Every structure is written in structure tokens, then in C-alpha cells.
Amino acid sequence: MKFTEITSTKQLALLLKVLYPKFDTHVIPTKLIQEIEPKMNQIIIINLDNIGSGTHWTMTLINNERWGIYFDSYAVDPPDLVLNYLKKAKKNGIVKDIIMTTEEIQTFKNKWCGWACICFLDLIINWNQTPWNAVNGMTGATILKYGKQLFRKYLSKI
């Protein structure tokens, strides 16, 4: 298998399990988020297409700082189901703040949104970046370079 900009559900699920074994991780279509109970150290990569093979990957993260973070590389507001999940986490005291990225780092012609989610997670979890600093440091070139490294290390043999 060779590297492509497009990521599959299987690839993202495997990467989450390998990179973040201490987190509760999910890779799902938007409509399934209502079935997941929010908890600390939880990552959900969400495909905004509920019926087809996929349109765009976004993600939520509940981290140790008790932030409920929504990341979209297009900087679009989350769907109502995702926002309701984050509001539920806040209402239940799991998160103290809901943070949404507002910096567009990808245009609609690019296909690397799955890699952008993984890169954003790495900057937040492993490099202790704030969501604002993480987004400011991301470019298409750095995301694809990082994606290729992860692909070679973990995915090239599947």
C-alpha cells in the first residue's frame, strides 16, 4: 500500500490505537456520536458523511485540562450532534471549557483532513500545545510530511 492524502476509517482507528493507547478512541460518522458517553481522555474522529464512504474528517478531544476541543481543518462550526455531545460533557462537569478551532488550514480542494486531525492531536497531546498554537503551526506541507512518516511507520504493511 502506498501513501495517499485520503485516510480511511480503518487507518485512522489503527493510528489512534497505536498513538494514544491510554485514550478512549472512536472513528465514527456524525450520527453515532450521540451513542458515546463523554469522558476524560477521549478522542473521537468524526466523518461528517452519515451515509456514504466519507466526505470530511473532524475530531473532538476531551483532555486532562478538561477542555472539550472541536477541530475542523476548514474551521466550520460543528454539526448540532457534535456540539450537543460537547455541551453534555460540560453539563456533566467533564469539561470546563468548549474550544473550537477557527483558523482555516485546509481548502475544500485538499483531501488530507484525516491527517490534519492526527497532526492536531499530536501537537496537543505530545507537544503540549494549546489548540490555538497548534493550529497556527499547521500547514499542508507539515501535515503531509507528518502523515507520510506515520504511514511508513504504522500503515505501509496493512
N, C-alpha and C. Protein backbone atom coordinates (compact mmCIF):
# COMPACT_ATOMS: atom_id res chain seq x y z
N MET A 1 0.84 -1.17 0.00
CA MET A 1 0.00 0.00 0.00
C MET A 1 0.90 1.25 0.00
N LYS A 2 0.49 2.26 -0.77
CA LYS A 2 1.29 3.48 -0.79
C LYS A 2 0.50 4.64 -0.19
N PHE A 3 1.22 5.65 0.23
CA PHE A 3 0.63 6.81 0.90
C PHE A 3 -0.29 7.59 -0.04
N THR A 4 -1.43 7.99 0.48
CA THR A 4 -2.32 8.92 -0.22
C THR A 4 -2.77 9.99 0.78
N GLU A 5 -3.26 11.10 0.27
CA GLU A 5 -3.75 12.16 1.14
C GLU A 5 -5.03 11.75 1.85
N ILE A 6 -5.79 10.84 1.26
CA ILE A 6 -7.07 10.43 1.83
C ILE A 6 -6.84 9.31 2.84
N THR A 7 -7.48 9.44 4.01
CA THR A 7 -7.37 8.42 5.04
C THR A 7 -8.70 7.68 5.17
N SER A 8 -8.59 6.41 5.52
CA SER A 8 -9.79 5.59 5.71
C SER A 8 -10.12 5.47 7.19
N THR A 9 -11.32 5.00 7.47
CA THR A 9 -11.73 4.74 8.85
C THR A 9 -10.76 3.76 9.50
N LYS A 10 -10.42 2.71 8.78
CA LYS A 10 -9.52 1.68 9.31
C LYS A 10 -8.14 2.27 9.65
N GLN A 11 -7.60 3.10 8.77
CA GLN A 11 -6.29 3.70 9.02
C GLN A 11 -6.33 4.60 10.26
N LEU A 12 -7.36 5.44 10.35
CA LEU A 12 -7.45 6.37 11.48
C LEU A 12 -7.65 5.61 12.79
N ALA A 13 -8.49 4.58 12.79
CA ALA A 13 -8.71 3.80 14.00
C ALA A 13 -7.42 3.13 14.47
N LEU A 14 -6.66 2.58 13.53
CA LEU A 14 -5.39 1.95 13.88
C LEU A 14 -4.41 2.97 14.44
N LEU A 15 -4.29 4.11 13.79
CA LEU A 15 -3.38 5.15 14.28
C LEU A 15 -3.76 5.61 15.69
N LEU A 16 -5.03 5.80 15.95
CA LEU A 16 -5.44 6.23 17.29
C LEU A 16 -5.07 5.18 18.33
N LYS A 17 -5.29 3.91 18.04
CA LYS A 17 -4.97 2.85 18.99
C LYS A 17 -3.47 2.77 19.27
N VAL A 18 -2.67 2.94 18.23
CA VAL A 18 -1.21 2.85 18.38
C VAL A 18 -0.64 4.10 19.05
N LEU A 19 -1.10 5.26 18.64
CA LEU A 19 -0.52 6.52 19.13
C LEU A 19 -1.06 6.94 20.49
N TYR A 20 -2.30 6.57 20.80
CA TYR A 20 -2.93 7.04 22.04
C TYR A 20 -3.61 5.89 22.79
N PRO A 21 -2.81 4.90 23.24
CA PRO A 21 -3.40 3.71 23.86
C PRO A 21 -4.10 3.99 25.19
N LYS A 22 -3.79 5.09 25.84
CA LYS A 22 -4.42 5.41 27.12
C LYS A 22 -5.72 6.20 26.96
N PHE A 23 -6.09 6.50 25.72
CA PHE A 23 -7.29 7.26 25.44
C PHE A 23 -8.41 6.33 24.99
N ASP A 24 -9.63 6.74 25.27
CA ASP A 24 -10.81 6.08 24.72
C ASP A 24 -10.99 6.67 23.32
N THR A 25 -10.83 5.86 22.28
CA THR A 25 -10.82 6.39 20.91
C THR A 25 -11.95 5.79 20.07
N HIS A 26 -12.45 6.63 19.16
CA HIS A 26 -13.53 6.22 18.26
C HIS A 26 -13.31 6.89 16.90
N VAL A 27 -13.70 6.21 15.83
CA VAL A 27 -13.74 6.78 14.48
C VAL A 27 -15.13 6.44 13.95
N ILE A 28 -15.96 7.47 13.81
CA ILE A 28 -17.39 7.24 13.58
C ILE A 28 -17.98 8.27 12.62
N PRO A 29 -19.17 7.96 12.04
CA PRO A 29 -19.94 9.00 11.36
C PRO A 29 -20.63 9.88 12.42
N THR A 30 -20.96 11.08 12.06
CA THR A 30 -21.55 12.04 12.98
C THR A 30 -22.72 11.47 13.77
N LYS A 31 -23.61 10.77 13.10
CA LYS A 31 -24.85 10.32 13.76
C LYS A 31 -24.60 9.39 14.94
N LEU A 32 -23.44 8.75 15.02
CA LEU A 32 -23.16 7.82 16.12
C LEU A 32 -22.62 8.50 17.37
N ILE A 33 -22.30 9.78 17.30
CA ILE A 33 -21.72 10.44 18.47
C ILE A 33 -22.69 10.48 19.64
N GLN A 34 -23.97 10.49 19.35
CA GLN A 34 -24.95 10.52 20.44
C GLN A 34 -24.97 9.22 21.25
N GLU A 35 -24.34 8.16 20.73
CA GLU A 35 -24.26 6.89 21.45
C GLU A 35 -23.04 6.79 22.36
N ILE A 36 -22.16 7.79 22.30
CA ILE A 36 -20.92 7.76 23.08
C ILE A 36 -21.06 8.67 24.30
N GLU A 37 -20.73 8.12 25.45
CA GLU A 37 -20.78 8.89 26.69
C GLU A 37 -19.46 9.66 26.83
N PRO A 38 -19.52 10.99 26.97
CA PRO A 38 -18.28 11.76 27.13
C PRO A 38 -17.51 11.34 28.38
N LYS A 39 -16.18 11.30 28.26
CA LYS A 39 -15.32 11.01 29.41
C LYS A 39 -13.95 11.63 29.19
N MET A 40 -13.19 11.72 30.28
CA MET A 40 -11.84 12.26 30.19
C MET A 40 -10.99 11.40 29.26
N ASN A 41 -10.02 12.05 28.64
CA ASN A 41 -9.08 11.37 27.74
C ASN A 41 -9.82 10.57 26.66
N GLN A 42 -10.64 11.29 25.92
CA GLN A 42 -11.43 10.68 24.87
C GLN A 42 -11.19 11.41 23.55
N ILE A 43 -10.94 10.64 22.51
CA ILE A 43 -10.74 11.18 21.16
C ILE A 43 -11.81 10.57 20.25
N ILE A 44 -12.49 11.43 19.52
CA ILE A 44 -13.45 10.93 18.53
C ILE A 44 -13.14 11.62 17.21
N ILE A 45 -12.74 10.83 16.22
CA ILE A 45 -12.60 11.36 14.86
C ILE A 45 -13.93 11.08 14.17
N ILE A 46 -14.48 12.14 13.60
CA ILE A 46 -15.85 12.12 13.10
C ILE A 46 -15.88 12.35 11.60
N ASN A 47 -16.56 11.47 10.88
CA ASN A 47 -16.78 11.71 9.47
C ASN A 47 -18.13 12.39 9.31
N LEU A 48 -18.13 13.53 8.65
CA LEU A 48 -19.35 14.31 8.53
C LEU A 48 -20.38 13.70 7.58
N ASP A 49 -20.00 12.66 6.85
CA ASP A 49 -20.92 11.95 5.97
C ASP A 49 -21.54 10.79 6.74
N ASN A 50 -22.84 10.82 6.91
CA ASN A 50 -23.52 9.77 7.68
C ASN A 50 -23.95 8.57 6.86
N ILE A 51 -23.91 8.66 5.53
CA ILE A 51 -24.44 7.55 4.73
C ILE A 51 -23.47 6.99 3.70
N GLY A 52 -22.49 7.74 3.30
CA GLY A 52 -21.60 7.29 2.23
C GLY A 52 -20.24 6.86 2.74
N SER A 53 -19.27 6.92 1.85
CA SER A 53 -17.92 6.48 2.20
C SER A 53 -17.11 7.57 2.88
N GLY A 54 -17.65 8.75 2.99
CA GLY A 54 -16.96 9.80 3.73
C GLY A 54 -16.80 11.07 2.94
N THR A 55 -16.87 12.17 3.65
CA THR A 55 -16.68 13.46 3.00
C THR A 55 -15.58 14.29 3.65
N HIS A 56 -15.56 14.32 4.98
CA HIS A 56 -14.62 15.19 5.68
C HIS A 56 -14.46 14.71 7.12
N TRP A 57 -13.19 14.59 7.56
CA TRP A 57 -12.89 14.18 8.93
C TRP A 57 -12.70 15.41 9.81
N THR A 58 -13.34 15.38 10.98
CA THR A 58 -13.14 16.37 12.03
C THR A 58 -12.88 15.59 13.32
N MET A 59 -12.67 16.26 14.43
CA MET A 59 -12.45 15.50 15.67
C MET A 59 -12.80 16.27 16.91
N THR A 60 -13.05 15.52 17.97
CA THR A 60 -13.19 16.09 19.30
C THR A 60 -12.15 15.44 20.20
N LEU A 61 -11.74 16.19 21.19
CA LEU A 61 -10.80 15.70 22.20
C LEU A 61 -11.24 16.24 23.54
N ILE A 62 -11.35 15.37 24.51
CA ILE A 62 -11.50 15.78 25.90
C ILE A 62 -10.19 15.40 26.57
N ASN A 63 -9.46 16.41 27.06
CA ASN A 63 -8.12 16.15 27.59
C ASN A 63 -8.04 16.41 29.09
N ASN A 64 -6.84 16.22 29.65
CA ASN A 64 -6.62 16.38 31.09
C ASN A 64 -6.85 17.80 31.60
N GLU A 65 -6.73 18.78 30.72
CA GLU A 65 -7.01 20.15 31.13
C GLU A 65 -8.51 20.42 31.23
N ARG A 66 -9.28 19.38 30.93
CA ARG A 66 -10.75 19.45 30.95
C ARG A 66 -11.27 20.40 29.87
N TRP A 67 -10.58 20.40 28.74
CA TRP A 67 -11.05 21.11 27.57
C TRP A 67 -11.84 20.14 26.70
N GLY A 68 -12.94 20.59 26.17
CA GLY A 68 -13.65 19.86 25.14
C GLY A 68 -13.33 20.58 23.83
N ILE A 69 -12.48 19.98 23.03
CA ILE A 69 -11.95 20.65 21.83
C ILE A 69 -12.60 20.06 20.58
N TYR A 70 -13.06 20.94 19.70
CA TYR A 70 -13.54 20.52 18.38
C TYR A 70 -12.58 21.09 17.34
N PHE A 71 -12.07 20.21 16.49
CA PHE A 71 -11.14 20.61 15.44
C PHE A 71 -11.73 20.31 14.08
N ASP A 72 -11.75 21.32 13.22
CA ASP A 72 -12.15 21.17 11.83
C ASP A 72 -11.15 21.95 11.00
N SER A 73 -10.46 21.28 10.11
CA SER A 73 -9.42 21.94 9.31
C SER A 73 -9.99 22.99 8.36
N TYR A 74 -11.31 22.95 8.12
CA TYR A 74 -11.97 24.00 7.34
C TYR A 74 -12.44 25.15 8.23
N ALA A 75 -12.35 25.00 9.55
CA ALA A 75 -12.80 25.99 10.53
C ALA A 75 -14.31 26.24 10.46
N VAL A 76 -15.05 25.16 10.21
CA VAL A 76 -16.51 25.24 10.16
C VAL A 76 -17.04 24.81 11.53
N ASP A 77 -18.11 25.43 11.98
CA ASP A 77 -18.73 25.06 13.25
C ASP A 77 -19.15 23.59 13.23
N PRO A 78 -19.17 22.95 14.40
CA PRO A 78 -19.56 21.54 14.43
C PRO A 78 -21.04 21.33 14.15
N PRO A 79 -21.39 20.15 13.64
CA PRO A 79 -22.80 19.81 13.49
C PRO A 79 -23.47 19.81 14.87
N ASP A 80 -24.78 19.97 14.89
CA ASP A 80 -25.51 20.03 16.16
C ASP A 80 -25.26 18.82 17.05
N LEU A 81 -25.20 17.62 16.47
CA LEU A 81 -24.97 16.41 17.28
C LEU A 81 -23.63 16.47 18.00
N VAL A 82 -22.61 16.98 17.34
CA VAL A 82 -21.28 17.08 17.95
C VAL A 82 -21.29 18.17 19.02
N LEU A 83 -21.90 19.29 18.72
CA LEU A 83 -21.99 20.37 19.71
C LEU A 83 -22.78 19.89 20.94
N ASN A 84 -23.84 19.14 20.74
CA ASN A 84 -24.61 18.60 21.86
C ASN A 84 -23.77 17.65 22.72
N TYR A 85 -22.93 16.83 22.09
CA TYR A 85 -22.02 15.94 22.82
C TYR A 85 -21.10 16.76 23.72
N LEU A 86 -20.51 17.84 23.18
CA LEU A 86 -19.61 18.69 23.97
C LEU A 86 -20.36 19.42 25.08
N LYS A 87 -21.56 19.88 24.79
CA LYS A 87 -22.37 20.55 25.82
C LYS A 87 -22.74 19.57 26.94
N LYS A 88 -23.02 18.33 26.57
CA LYS A 88 -23.31 17.30 27.58
C LYS A 88 -22.10 17.08 28.47
N ALA A 89 -20.92 17.04 27.88
CA ALA A 89 -19.68 16.88 28.66
C ALA A 89 -19.50 18.04 29.63
N LYS A 90 -19.83 19.24 29.18
CA LYS A 90 -19.71 20.41 30.06
C LYS A 90 -20.77 20.36 31.16
N LYS A 91 -21.98 20.05 30.81
CA LYS A 91 -23.07 19.98 31.79
C LYS A 91 -22.76 18.94 32.87
N ASN A 92 -22.14 17.83 32.48
CA ASN A 92 -21.80 16.76 33.41
C ASN A 92 -20.50 17.01 34.17
N GLY A 93 -19.86 18.18 33.95
CA GLY A 93 -18.64 18.53 34.67
C GLY A 93 -17.38 17.86 34.17
N ILE A 94 -17.45 17.22 33.02
CA ILE A 94 -16.28 16.55 32.46
C ILE A 94 -15.35 17.57 31.82
N VAL A 95 -15.91 18.58 31.18
CA VAL A 95 -15.10 19.66 30.62
C VAL A 95 -15.54 20.98 31.24
N LYS A 96 -14.57 21.88 31.37
CA LYS A 96 -14.90 23.21 31.89
C LYS A 96 -15.07 24.22 30.77
N ASP A 97 -14.40 23.99 29.65
CA ASP A 97 -14.49 24.90 28.51
C ASP A 97 -14.64 24.12 27.22
N ILE A 98 -15.45 24.64 26.31
CA ILE A 98 -15.57 24.09 24.96
C ILE A 98 -14.80 25.03 24.04
N ILE A 99 -13.87 24.46 23.29
CA ILE A 99 -12.99 25.23 22.41
C ILE A 99 -13.18 24.73 20.99
N MET A 100 -13.37 25.66 20.07
CA MET A 100 -13.49 25.29 18.65
C MET A 100 -12.43 26.03 17.86
N THR A 101 -11.74 25.32 17.00
CA THR A 101 -10.72 25.97 16.18
C THR A 101 -11.41 26.86 15.15
N THR A 102 -10.82 28.01 14.92
CA THR A 102 -11.42 28.98 14.00
C THR A 102 -10.47 29.37 12.87
N GLU A 103 -9.33 28.73 12.81
CA GLU A 103 -8.33 29.02 11.79
C GLU A 103 -8.44 27.99 10.67
N GLU A 104 -8.74 28.43 9.46
CA GLU A 104 -8.82 27.52 8.32
C GLU A 104 -7.41 27.16 7.88
N ILE A 105 -7.12 25.86 7.86
CA ILE A 105 -5.79 25.41 7.42
C ILE A 105 -5.87 24.55 6.17
N GLN A 106 -7.07 24.29 5.69
CA GLN A 106 -7.26 23.43 4.53
C GLN A 106 -8.33 24.03 3.63
N THR A 107 -8.10 23.97 2.33
CA THR A 107 -9.13 24.41 1.40
C THR A 107 -9.98 23.21 1.00
N PHE A 108 -11.12 23.48 0.41
CA PHE A 108 -12.04 22.40 0.04
C PHE A 108 -11.49 21.49 -1.06
N LYS A 109 -10.45 21.92 -1.76
CA LYS A 109 -9.89 21.06 -2.81
C LYS A 109 -8.91 20.02 -2.26
N ASN A 110 -8.41 20.23 -1.03
CA ASN A 110 -7.47 19.28 -0.41
C ASN A 110 -8.21 18.11 0.21
N LYS A 111 -7.53 16.98 0.31
CA LYS A 111 -8.15 15.74 0.81
C LYS A 111 -7.46 15.19 2.06
N TRP A 112 -6.66 16.00 2.76
CA TRP A 112 -5.86 15.46 3.86
C TRP A 112 -6.41 15.78 5.25
N CYS A 113 -7.72 15.90 5.39
CA CYS A 113 -8.34 16.26 6.67
C CYS A 113 -8.08 15.20 7.76
N GLY A 114 -8.02 13.92 7.40
CA GLY A 114 -7.73 12.89 8.39
C GLY A 114 -6.34 13.05 8.97
N TRP A 115 -5.37 13.33 8.10
CA TRP A 115 -4.01 13.57 8.58
C TRP A 115 -3.94 14.83 9.44
N ALA A 116 -4.73 15.84 9.09
CA ALA A 116 -4.76 17.07 9.88
C ALA A 116 -5.27 16.78 11.30
N CYS A 117 -6.27 15.92 11.43
CA CYS A 117 -6.78 15.56 12.75
C CYS A 117 -5.68 14.89 13.59
N ILE A 118 -4.96 13.95 12.98
CA ILE A 118 -3.89 13.24 13.70
C ILE A 118 -2.77 14.20 14.07
N CYS A 119 -2.40 15.08 13.18
CA CYS A 119 -1.35 16.06 13.44
C CYS A 119 -1.76 17.00 14.58
N PHE A 120 -2.99 17.48 14.55
CA PHE A 120 -3.50 18.35 15.61
C PHE A 120 -3.44 17.63 16.96
N LEU A 121 -3.88 16.39 16.99
CA LEU A 121 -3.82 15.61 18.23
C LEU A 121 -2.40 15.50 18.75
N ASP A 122 -1.46 15.22 17.86
CA ASP A 122 -0.06 15.09 18.27
C ASP A 122 0.45 16.39 18.90
N LEU A 123 0.12 17.51 18.30
CA LEU A 123 0.58 18.79 18.83
C LEU A 123 -0.04 19.08 20.21
N ILE A 124 -1.28 18.71 20.41
CA ILE A 124 -1.95 18.96 21.69
C ILE A 124 -1.46 17.97 22.76
N ILE A 125 -1.46 16.69 22.43
CA ILE A 125 -1.18 15.65 23.43
C ILE A 125 0.31 15.48 23.68
N ASN A 126 1.10 15.36 22.64
CA ASN A 126 2.52 15.04 22.81
C ASN A 126 3.43 16.25 22.91
N TRP A 127 3.01 17.37 22.37
CA TRP A 127 3.85 18.57 22.39
C TRP A 127 3.28 19.66 23.29
N ASN A 128 2.20 19.35 24.00
CA ASN A 128 1.59 20.27 24.97
C ASN A 128 1.27 21.65 24.41
N GLN A 129 0.86 21.67 23.16
CA GLN A 129 0.46 22.94 22.55
C GLN A 129 -0.98 23.28 22.97
N THR A 130 -1.29 24.55 23.02
CA THR A 130 -2.68 24.93 23.18
C THR A 130 -3.36 24.73 21.82
N PRO A 131 -4.68 24.63 21.79
CA PRO A 131 -5.35 24.48 20.48
C PRO A 131 -5.02 25.62 19.52
N TRP A 132 -4.85 26.83 20.05
CA TRP A 132 -4.58 27.99 19.20
C TRP A 132 -3.18 27.91 18.60
N ASN A 133 -2.20 27.55 19.41
CA ASN A 133 -0.83 27.42 18.90
C ASN A 133 -0.70 26.26 17.93
N ALA A 134 -1.40 25.18 18.22
CA ALA A 134 -1.33 24.01 17.34
C ALA A 134 -1.81 24.35 15.94
N VAL A 135 -2.94 25.01 15.84
CA VAL A 135 -3.49 25.35 14.53
C VAL A 135 -2.60 26.34 13.81
N ASN A 136 -2.06 27.29 14.53
CA ASN A 136 -1.19 28.29 13.90
C ASN A 136 0.06 27.67 13.29
N GLY A 137 0.53 26.56 13.83
CA GLY A 137 1.74 25.93 13.32
C GLY A 137 1.52 24.91 12.23
N MET A 138 0.27 24.68 11.85
CA MET A 138 -0.03 23.64 10.87
C MET A 138 -0.15 24.21 9.46
N THR A 139 0.52 23.56 8.52
CA THR A 139 0.37 23.89 7.10
C THR A 139 0.17 22.58 6.35
N GLY A 140 -0.30 22.67 5.14
CA GLY A 140 -0.47 21.47 4.33
C GLY A 140 0.81 20.67 4.20
N ALA A 141 1.91 21.36 4.00
CA ALA A 141 3.20 20.68 3.82
C ALA A 141 3.61 19.93 5.09
N THR A 142 3.47 20.56 6.26
CA THR A 142 3.88 19.90 7.50
C THR A 142 2.94 18.74 7.83
N ILE A 143 1.65 18.89 7.55
CA ILE A 143 0.70 17.82 7.81
C ILE A 143 0.99 16.61 6.94
N LEU A 144 1.24 16.83 5.66
CA LEU A 144 1.53 15.70 4.76
C LEU A 144 2.88 15.05 5.07
N LYS A 145 3.85 15.84 5.47
CA LYS A 145 5.15 15.27 5.87
C LYS A 145 4.97 14.37 7.09
N TYR A 146 4.24 14.85 8.07
CA TYR A 146 3.96 14.07 9.28
C TYR A 146 3.14 12.82 8.92
N GLY A 147 2.14 13.00 8.07
CA GLY A 147 1.32 11.87 7.64
C GLY A 147 2.14 10.79 6.96
N LYS A 148 3.06 11.17 6.10
CA LYS A 148 3.91 10.20 5.41
C LYS A 148 4.79 9.44 6.40
N GLN A 149 5.30 10.14 7.43
CA GLN A 149 6.11 9.47 8.45
C GLN A 149 5.29 8.43 9.21
N LEU A 150 4.09 8.81 9.61
CA LEU A 150 3.22 7.87 10.32
C LEU A 150 2.82 6.71 9.43
N PHE A 151 2.53 7.00 8.17
CA PHE A 151 2.14 5.96 7.23
C PHE A 151 3.25 4.93 7.10
N ARG A 152 4.48 5.40 6.87
CA ARG A 152 5.60 4.48 6.72
C ARG A 152 5.79 3.63 7.98
N LYS A 153 5.65 4.25 9.14
CA LYS A 153 5.90 3.56 10.40
C LYS A 153 4.81 2.56 10.76
N TYR A 154 3.54 2.93 10.55
CA TYR A 154 2.44 2.12 11.06
C TYR A 154 1.50 1.50 10.04
N LEU A 155 1.39 2.09 8.86
CA LEU A 155 0.34 1.67 7.93
C LEU A 155 0.81 1.03 6.64
N SER A 156 2.06 1.17 6.29
CA SER A 156 2.50 0.73 4.96
C SER A 156 2.36 -0.79 4.77
N LYS A 157 2.28 -1.55 5.83
CA LYS A 157 2.23 -3.00 5.71
C LYS A 157 0.80 -3.56 5.77
N ILE A 158 -0.21 -2.70 5.98
CA ILE A 158 -1.57 -3.24 6.07
C ILE A 158 -2.26 -3.17 4.72
